[in-house]
PDB file of N, CA and C in Angstrom:
ATOM      1  N   LYS A   1    -155.494  10.479  17.426  1.00  0.00           N
ATOM      2  CA  LYS A   1    -155.548   9.106  18.249  1.00  0.00           C
ATOM      3  C   LYS A   1    -155.011   8.241  17.722  1.00  0.00           C
ATOM      4  N   LYS A   2    -155.014   8.159  15.930  1.00  0.00           N
ATOM      5  CA  LYS A   2    -154.169   7.429  15.425  1.00  0.00           C
ATOM      6  C   LYS A   2    -152.568   7.262  15.972  1.00  0.00           C
ATOM      7  N   GLY A   3    -152.183   8.701  15.794  1.00  0.00           N
ATOM      8  CA  GLY A   3    -150.609   8.536  16.190  1.00  0.00           C
ATOM      9  C   GLY A   3    -150.353   8.037  17.746  1.00  0.00           C
ATOM     10  N   LYS A   4    -151.451   8.085  18.721  1.00  0.00           N
ATOM     11  CA  LYS A   4    -151.069   7.536  19.739  1.00  0.00           C
ATOM     12  C   LYS A   4    -150.896   5.931  19.855  1.00  0.00           C
ATOM     13  N   HIS A   5    -151.913   5.420  18.947  1.00  0.00           N
ATOM     14  CA  HIS A   5    -151.561   3.966  18.800  1.00  0.00           C
ATOM     15  C   HIS A   5    -150.651   3.591  17.927  1.00  0.00           C
ATOM     16  N   ILE A   6    -150.129   4.174  17.157  1.00  0.00           N
ATOM     17  CA  ILE A   6    -148.857   3.771  16.643  1.00  0.00           C
ATOM     18  C   ILE A   6    -147.600   4.043  17.446  1.00  0.00           C
ATOM     19  N   LEU A   7    -147.862   5.095  18.426  1.00  0.00           N
ATOM     20  CA  LEU A   7    -146.827   5.267  19.483  1.00  0.00           C
ATOM     21  C   LEU A   7    -146.705   4.049  20.410  1.00  0.00           C
ATOM     22  N   ASN A   8    -147.704   3.465  20.735  1.00  0.00           N
ATOM     23  CA  ASN A   8    -148.180   2.418  21.710  1.00  0.00           C
ATOM     24  C   ASN A   8    -147.298   1.420  21.078  1.00  0.00           C
ATOM     25  N   LEU A   9    -147.786   0.996  20.054  1.00  0.00           N
ATOM     26  CA  LEU A   9    -147.247  -0.253  19.018  1.00  0.00           C
ATOM     27  C   LEU A   9    -145.987  -0.285  18.856  1.00  0.00           C
ATOM     28  N   THR A  10    -145.232   1.059  18.877  1.00  0.00           N
ATOM     29  CA  THR A  10    -143.730   1.377  18.853  1.00  0.00           C
ATOM     30  C   THR A  10    -142.836   0.658  19.895  1.00  0.00           C
ATOM     31  N   LYS A  11    -143.749   1.682  21.220  1.00  0.00           N
ATOM     32  CA  LYS A  11    -143.407   0.990  22.584  1.00  0.00           C
ATOM     33  C   LYS A  11    -143.193  -0.440  22.601  1.00  0.00           C
ATOM     34  N   HIS A  12    -144.541  -0.957  22.391  1.00  0.00           N
ATOM     35  CA  HIS A  12    -144.530  -2.445  22.479  1.00  0.00           C
ATOM     36  C   HIS A  12    -143.760  -3.331  21.574  1.00  0.00           C
ATOM     37  N   TYR A  13    -143.509  -2.893  20.592  1.00  0.00           N
ATOM     38  CA  TYR A  13    -142.384  -3.597  19.650  1.00  0.00           C
ATOM     39  C   TYR A  13    -141.056  -3.292  20.222  1.00  0.00           C
ATOM     40  N   PHE A  14    -140.857  -2.293  20.578  1.00  0.00           N
ATOM     41  CA  PHE A  14    -139.381  -2.192  21.134  1.00  0.00           C
ATOM     42  C   PHE A  14    -139.384  -3.117  22.204  1.00  0.00           C
ATOM     43  N   ARG A  15    -139.986  -2.799  23.492  1.00  0.00           N
ATOM     44  CA  ARG A  15    -140.009  -3.850  24.384  1.00  0.00           C
ATOM     45  C   ARG A  15    -139.970  -5.178  24.246  1.00  0.00           C
ATOM     46  N   THR A  16    -141.068  -5.592  23.615  1.00  0.00           N
ATOM     47  CA  THR A  16    -141.039  -7.138  22.964  1.00  0.00           C
ATOM     48  C   THR A  16    -139.594  -7.528  22.567  1.00  0.00           C
ATOM     49  N   THR A  17    -139.219  -6.452  21.716  1.00  0.00           N
ATOM     50  CA  THR A  17    -137.723  -7.190  20.798  1.00  0.00           C
ATOM     51  C   THR A  17    -136.582  -7.206  21.400  1.00  0.00           C
ATOM     52  N   CYS A  18    -136.623  -6.186  22.513  1.00  0.00           N
ATOM     53  CA  CYS A  18    -135.529  -5.812  23.432  1.00  0.00           C
ATOM     54  C   CYS A  18    -135.274  -6.983  24.250  1.00  0.00           C
ATOM     55  N   SER A  19    -136.057  -7.412  24.647  1.00  0.00           N
ATOM     56  CA  SER A  19    -136.474  -8.552  25.492  1.00  0.00           C
ATOM     57  C   SER A  19    -135.600  -9.814  24.909  1.00  0.00           C
ATOM     58  N   TYR A  20    -135.709 -10.176  23.598  1.00  0.00           N
ATOM     59  CA  TYR A  20    -135.205 -11.194  23.023  1.00  0.00           C
ATOM     60  C   TYR A  20    -134.044 -10.988  22.152  1.00  0.00           C
ATOM     61  N   ALA A  21    -133.746  -9.905  21.646  1.00  0.00           N
ATOM     62  CA  ALA A  21    -132.819  -9.563  20.737  1.00  0.00           C
ATOM     63  C   ALA A  21    -131.343  -9.749  21.461  1.00  0.00           C
ATOM     64  N   HIS A  22    -130.839  -9.151  20.201  1.00  0.00           N
ATOM     65  CA  HIS A  22    -129.234  -8.997  20.658  1.00  0.00           C
ATOM     66  C   HIS A  22    -128.986  -7.750  21.273  1.00  0.00           C
ATOM     67  N   PRO A  23    -128.254  -7.505  22.240  1.00  0.00           N
ATOM     68  CA  PRO A  23    -127.755  -6.653  22.999  1.00  0.00           C
ATOM     69  C   PRO A  23    -127.602  -4.923  22.103  1.00  0.00           C
ATOM     70  N   SER A  24    -127.232  -5.125  20.913  1.00  0.00           N
ATOM     71  CA  SER A  24    -127.323  -4.061  20.069  1.00  0.00           C
ATOM     72  C   SER A  24    -128.424  -3.558  19.406  1.00  0.00           C
ATOM     73  N   PHE A  25    -129.647  -4.192  19.765  1.00  0.00           N
ATOM     74  CA  PHE A  25    -130.763  -4.137  18.993  1.00  0.00           C
ATOM     75  C   PHE A  25    -131.357  -2.776  19.249  1.00  0.00           C
ATOM     76  N   PRO A  26    -131.400  -2.106  20.983  1.00  0.00           N
ATOM     77  CA  PRO A  26    -132.006  -1.010  20.866  1.00  0.00           C
ATOM     78  C   PRO A  26    -130.947   0.176  20.350  1.00  0.00           C
ATOM     79  N   ASP A  27    -129.834   0.063  20.101  1.00  0.00           N
ATOM     80  CA  ASP A  27    -129.135   1.034  19.150  1.00  0.00           C
ATOM     81  C   ASP A  27    -129.506   1.112  17.812  1.00  0.00           C
ATOM     82  N   HIS A  28    -129.850   0.193  17.086  1.00  0.00           N
ATOM     83  CA  HIS A  28    -130.341   0.113  16.011  1.00  0.00           C
ATOM     84  C   HIS A  28    -131.675   0.529  15.625  1.00  0.00           C
ATOM     85  N   PHE A  29    -132.577   0.168  16.605  1.00  0.00           N
ATOM     86  CA  PHE A  29    -133.856   0.563  16.846  1.00  0.00           C
ATOM     87  C   PHE A  29    -133.854   2.031  16.595  1.00  0.00           C
ATOM     88  N   LEU A  30    -133.175   2.379  17.625  1.00  0.00           N
ATOM     89  CA  LEU A  30    -132.987   3.841  17.807  1.00  0.00           C
ATOM     90  C   LEU A  30    -132.672   4.848  16.633  1.00  0.00           C
ATOM     91  N   MET A  31    -131.815   4.324  15.856  1.00  0.00           N
ATOM     92  CA  MET A  31    -131.110   4.695  14.826  1.00  0.00           C
ATOM     93  C   MET A  31    -131.952   4.668  13.579  1.00  0.00           C
ATOM     94  N   ILE A  32    -132.894   3.508  13.358  1.00  0.00           N
ATOM     95  CA  ILE A  32    -134.201   3.638  12.559  1.00  0.00           C
ATOM     96  C   ILE A  32    -135.272   4.385  12.779  1.00  0.00           C
ATOM     97  N   LEU A  33    -135.591   4.791  14.046  1.00  0.00           N
ATOM     98  CA  LEU A  33    -136.584   5.273  14.381  1.00  0.00           C
ATOM     99  C   LEU A  33    -136.313   6.989  14.122  1.00  0.00           C
ATOM    100  N   SER A  34    -134.923   7.245  14.392  1.00  0.00           N
ATOM    101  CA  SER A  34    -134.783   8.760  14.156  1.00  0.00           C
ATOM    102  C   SER A  34    -134.672   8.990  12.814  1.00  0.00           C
ATOM    103  N   SER A  35    -134.263   7.929  11.957  1.00  0.00           N
ATOM    104  CA  SER A  35    -134.017   8.014  10.426  1.00  0.00           C
ATOM    105  C   SER A  35    -135.435   8.225  10.110  1.00  0.00           C
ATOM    106  N   HIS A  36    -136.474   7.632  10.613  1.00  0.00           N
ATOM    107  CA  HIS A  36    -137.695   7.538  10.001  1.00  0.00           C
ATOM    108  C   HIS A  36    -138.345   8.768  10.195  1.00  0.00           C
ATOM    109  N   TRP A  37    -138.117   9.658  11.525  1.00  0.00           N
ATOM    110  CA  TRP A  37    -138.525  10.933  11.919  1.00  0.00           C
ATOM    111  C   TRP A  37    -138.112  11.886  11.204  1.00  0.00           C
ATOM    112  N   ALA A  38    -136.466  11.898  10.541  1.00  0.00           N
ATOM    113  CA  ALA A  38    -136.147  12.827  10.181  1.00  0.00           C
ATOM    114  C   ALA A  38    -136.959  12.878   8.315  1.00  0.00           C
ATOM    115  N   TYR A  39    -137.002  11.363   7.691  1.00  0.00           N
ATOM    116  CA  TYR A  39    -137.582  11.291   6.778  1.00  0.00           C
ATOM    117  C   TYR A  39    -138.829  12.194   6.833  1.00  0.00           C
ATOM    118  N   LEU A  40    -139.802  11.749   8.022  1.00  0.00           N
ATOM    119  CA  LEU A  40    -140.952  12.356   7.613  1.00  0.00           C
ATOM    120  C   LEU A  40    -140.890  14.061   8.253  1.00  0.00           C
ATOM    121  N   LYS A  41    -140.399  14.385   8.776  1.00  0.00           N
ATOM    122  CA  LYS A  41    -139.753  16.034   9.170  1.00  0.00           C
ATOM    123  C   LYS A  41    -139.697  16.770   7.581  1.00  0.00           C
ATOM    124  N   GLU A  42    -138.978  16.155   7.197  1.00  0.00           N
ATOM    125  CA  GLU A  42    -138.279  16.519   5.765  1.00  0.00           C
ATOM    126  C   GLU A  42    -139.285  16.717   4.931  1.00  0.00           C
ATOM    127  N   ALA A  43    -140.071  15.588   4.684  1.00  0.00           N
ATOM    128  CA  ALA A  43    -141.255  15.081   3.391  1.00  0.00           C
ATOM    129  C   ALA A  43    -142.036  16.464   4.243  1.00  0.00           C
ATOM    130  N   SER A  44    -142.537  16.801   5.501  1.00  0.00           N
ATOM    131  CA  SER A  44    -143.438  17.957   5.760  1.00  0.00           C
ATOM    132  C   SER A  44    -143.194  19.342   5.129  1.00  0.00           C
ATOM    133  N   LYS A  45    -141.754  19.006   5.487  1.00  0.00           N
ATOM    134  CA  LYS A  45    -141.059  20.564   4.932  1.00  0.00           C
ATOM    135  C   LYS A  45    -141.337  20.678   3.469  1.00  0.00           C
ATOM    136  N   MET A  46    -140.846  19.382   2.641  1.00  0.00           N
ATOM    137  CA  MET A  46    -141.151  19.567   1.361  1.00  0.00           C
ATOM    138  C   MET A  46    -142.436  19.808   0.906  1.00  0.00           C
ATOM    139  N   GLN A  47    -143.450  19.371   1.577  1.00  0.00           N
ATOM    140  CA  GLN A  47    -144.823  19.726   0.707  1.00  0.00           C
ATOM    141  C   GLN A  47    -145.204  21.048   1.300  1.00  0.00           C
ATOM    142  N   ALA A  48    -144.893  21.581   2.594  1.00  0.00           N
ATOM    143  CA  ALA A  48    -145.177  22.855   2.256  1.00  0.00           C
ATOM    144  C   ALA A  48    -144.540  23.670   1.712  1.00  0.00           C
ATOM    145  N   TYR A  49    -143.160  23.457   1.031  1.00  0.00           N
ATOM    146  CA  TYR A  49    -142.645  24.273   0.285  1.00  0.00           C
ATOM    147  C   TYR A  49    -143.453  24.056  -1.188  1.00  0.00           C
ATOM    148  N   GLN A  50    -143.805  22.884  -1.698  1.00  0.00           N
ATOM    149  CA  GLN A  50    -144.378  22.920  -2.958  1.00  0.00           C
ATOM    150  C   GLN A  50    -145.731  23.467  -2.801  1.00  0.00           C
ATOM    151  N   ASP A  51    -146.491  23.674  -1.691  1.00  0.00           N
ATOM    152  CA  ASP A  51    -147.893  24.462  -1.466  1.00  0.00           C
ATOM    153  C   ASP A  51    -147.444  25.605  -1.718  1.00  0.00           C
ATOM    154  N   ILE A  52    -146.741  26.146  -1.239  1.00  0.00           N
ATOM    155  CA  ILE A  52    -146.264  27.540  -1.534  1.00  0.00           C
ATOM    156  C   ILE A  52    -145.863  27.884  -3.176  1.00  0.00           C
ATOM    157  N   LYS A  53    -144.887  27.012  -3.394  1.00  0.00           N
ATOM    158  CA  LYS A  53    -144.613  27.387  -4.910  1.00  0.00           C
ATOM    159  C   LYS A  53    -145.711  27.008  -5.989  1.00  0.00           C
ATOM    160  N   ALA A  54    -146.689  25.940  -5.509  1.00  0.00           N
ATOM    161  CA  ALA A  54    -147.876  26.187  -6.548  1.00  0.00           C
ATOM    162  C   ALA A  54    -148.600  27.543  -6.240  1.00  0.00           C
ATOM    163  N   LYS A  55    -148.624  27.934  -5.081  1.00  0.00           N
ATOM    164  CA  LYS A  55    -149.796  29.100  -4.974  1.00  0.00           C
ATOM    165  C   LYS A  55    -148.931  30.339  -5.785  1.00  0.00           C
ATOM    166  N   GLU A  56    -147.810  30.432  -5.773  1.00  0.00           N
ATOM    167  CA  GLU A  56    -147.050  31.731  -6.280  1.00  0.00           C
ATOM    168  C   GLU A  56    -147.221  31.276  -7.718  1.00  0.00           C
ATOM    169  N   GLU A  57    -146.996  30.376  -8.285  1.00  0.00           N
ATOM    170  CA  GLU A  57    -147.416  29.971  -9.729  1.00  0.00           C
ATOM    171  C   GLU A  57    -148.844  30.583 -10.138  1.00  0.00           C
ATOM    172  N   GLN A  58    -149.145  29.929  -9.365  1.00  0.00           N
ATOM    173  CA  GLN A  58    -150.971  30.094  -9.950  1.00  0.00           C
ATOM    174  C   GLN A  58    -151.188  31.880  -9.714  1.00  0.00           C
ATOM    175  N   GLU A  59    -150.546  32.352  -8.965  1.00  0.00           N
ATOM    176  CA  GLU A  59    -150.527  33.828  -8.969  1.00  0.00           C
ATOM    177  C   GLU A  59    -150.205  34.451  -9.966  1.00  0.00           C
ATOM    178  N   LEU A  60    -148.982  33.921 -10.336  1.00  0.00           N
ATOM    179  CA  LEU A  60    -148.306  34.380 -11.239  1.00  0.00           C
ATOM    180  C   LEU A  60    -148.837  34.086 -12.643  1.00  0.00           C
ATOM    181  N   GLN A  61    -149.259  33.048 -13.043  1.00  0.00           N
ATOM    182  CA  GLN A  61    -150.520  33.077 -14.173  1.00  0.00           C
ATOM    183  C   GLN A  61    -151.162  33.875 -14.149  1.00  0.00           C
ATOM    184  N   HIS A  62    -151.891  34.152 -13.248  1.00  0.00           N
ATOM    185  CA  HIS A  62    -153.461  35.206 -13.057  1.00  0.00           C
ATOM    186  C   HIS A  62    -152.767  36.191 -13.351  1.00  0.00           C
ATOM    187  N   ILE A  63    -151.582  36.816 -12.681  1.00  0.00           N
ATOM    188  CA  ILE A  63    -151.401  38.023 -13.025  1.00  0.00           C
ATOM    189  C   ILE A  63    -150.883  38.065 -14.462  1.00  0.00           C
ATOM    190  N   GLN A  64    -150.051  37.464 -15.203  1.00  0.00           N
ATOM    191  CA  GLN A  64    -149.725  37.314 -16.864  1.00  0.00           C
ATOM    192  C   GLN A  64    -151.059  37.316 -17.265  1.00  0.00           C
ATOM    193  N   ALA A  65    -152.041  36.529 -16.964  1.00  0.00           N
ATOM    194  CA  ALA A  65    -153.539  36.754 -17.829  1.00  0.00           C
ATOM    195  C   ALA A  65    -154.075  38.170 -17.839  1.00  0.00           C
ATOM    196  N   ARG A  66    -154.195  38.552 -16.527  1.00  0.00           N
ATOM    197  CA  ARG A  66    -154.525  39.962 -16.772  1.00  0.00           C
ATOM    198  C   ARG A  66    -153.565  40.785 -17.309  1.00  0.00           C
ATOM    199  N   SER A  67    -152.580  40.848 -17.393  1.00  0.00           N
ATOM    200  CA  SER A  67    -151.987  41.641 -18.281  1.00  0.00           C
ATOM    201  C   SER A  67    -151.940  41.393 -19.563  1.00  0.00           C
ATOM    202  N   LYS A  68    -152.014  40.237 -20.093  1.00  0.00           N
ATOM    203  CA  LYS A  68    -152.377  39.934 -21.538  1.00  0.00           C
ATOM    204  C   LYS A  68    -153.906  40.697 -21.921  1.00  0.00           C
ATOM    205  N   GLU A  69    -155.027  40.628 -20.850  1.00  0.00           N
ATOM    206  CA  GLU A  69    -156.090  41.140 -21.014  1.00  0.00           C
ATOM    207  C   GLU A  69    -156.167  42.469 -21.170  1.00  0.00           C
ATOM    208  N   GLN A  70    -155.183  43.218 -20.271  1.00  0.00           N
ATOM    209  CA  GLN A  70    -155.053  44.844 -20.563  1.00  0.00           C
ATOM    210  C   GLN A  70    -154.574  44.929 -21.744  1.00  0.00           C
ATOM    211  N   LEU A  71    -153.532  44.169 -22.184  1.00  0.00           N
ATOM    212  CA  LEU A  71    -153.006  44.723 -23.577  1.00  0.00           C
ATOM    213  C   LEU A  71    -153.764  44.630 -24.600  1.00  0.00           C
ATOM    214  N   ASN A  72    -154.414  43.670 -24.589  1.00  0.00           N
ATOM    215  CA  ASN A  72    -155.636  43.458 -25.593  1.00  0.00           C
ATOM    216  C   ASN A  72    -156.366  44.574 -25.864  1.00  0.00           C
ATOM    217  N   SER A  73    -156.781  45.122 -24.514  1.00  0.00           N
ATOM    218  CA  SER A  73    -158.282  46.059 -24.519  1.00  0.00           C
ATOM    219  C   SER A  73    -157.817  47.349 -24.818  1.00  0.00           C
ATOM    220  N   TYR A  74    -156.440  47.658 -24.781  1.00  0.00           N
ATOM    221  CA  TYR A  74    -155.593  48.774 -25.647  1.00  0.00           C
ATOM    222  C   TYR A  74    -155.670  48.985 -26.854  1.00  0.00           C
ATOM    223  N   THR A  75    -155.557  47.687 -27.461  1.00  0.00           N
ATOM    224  CA  THR A  75    -155.701  47.770 -28.980  1.00  0.00           C
ATOM    225  C   THR A  75    -157.194  47.531 -29.854  1.00  0.00           C
TER     226      THR A  75
END
């Protein structure tokens, strides 16, 4: 619901500004919009990567701790 509201505001902003703006504004607006989209898309990928990396590091620490426990149990 929030995303739809933002999209409606963006459309309204675009239409209103286009009616008063310099003829090159639509191109400029679309470049900015695509830049923001690319940033958000990349940020989403980076967050997914960081989540996977954190899980793998946690698993590695768990495995190392178990290995140390097993080594200590043999001595």
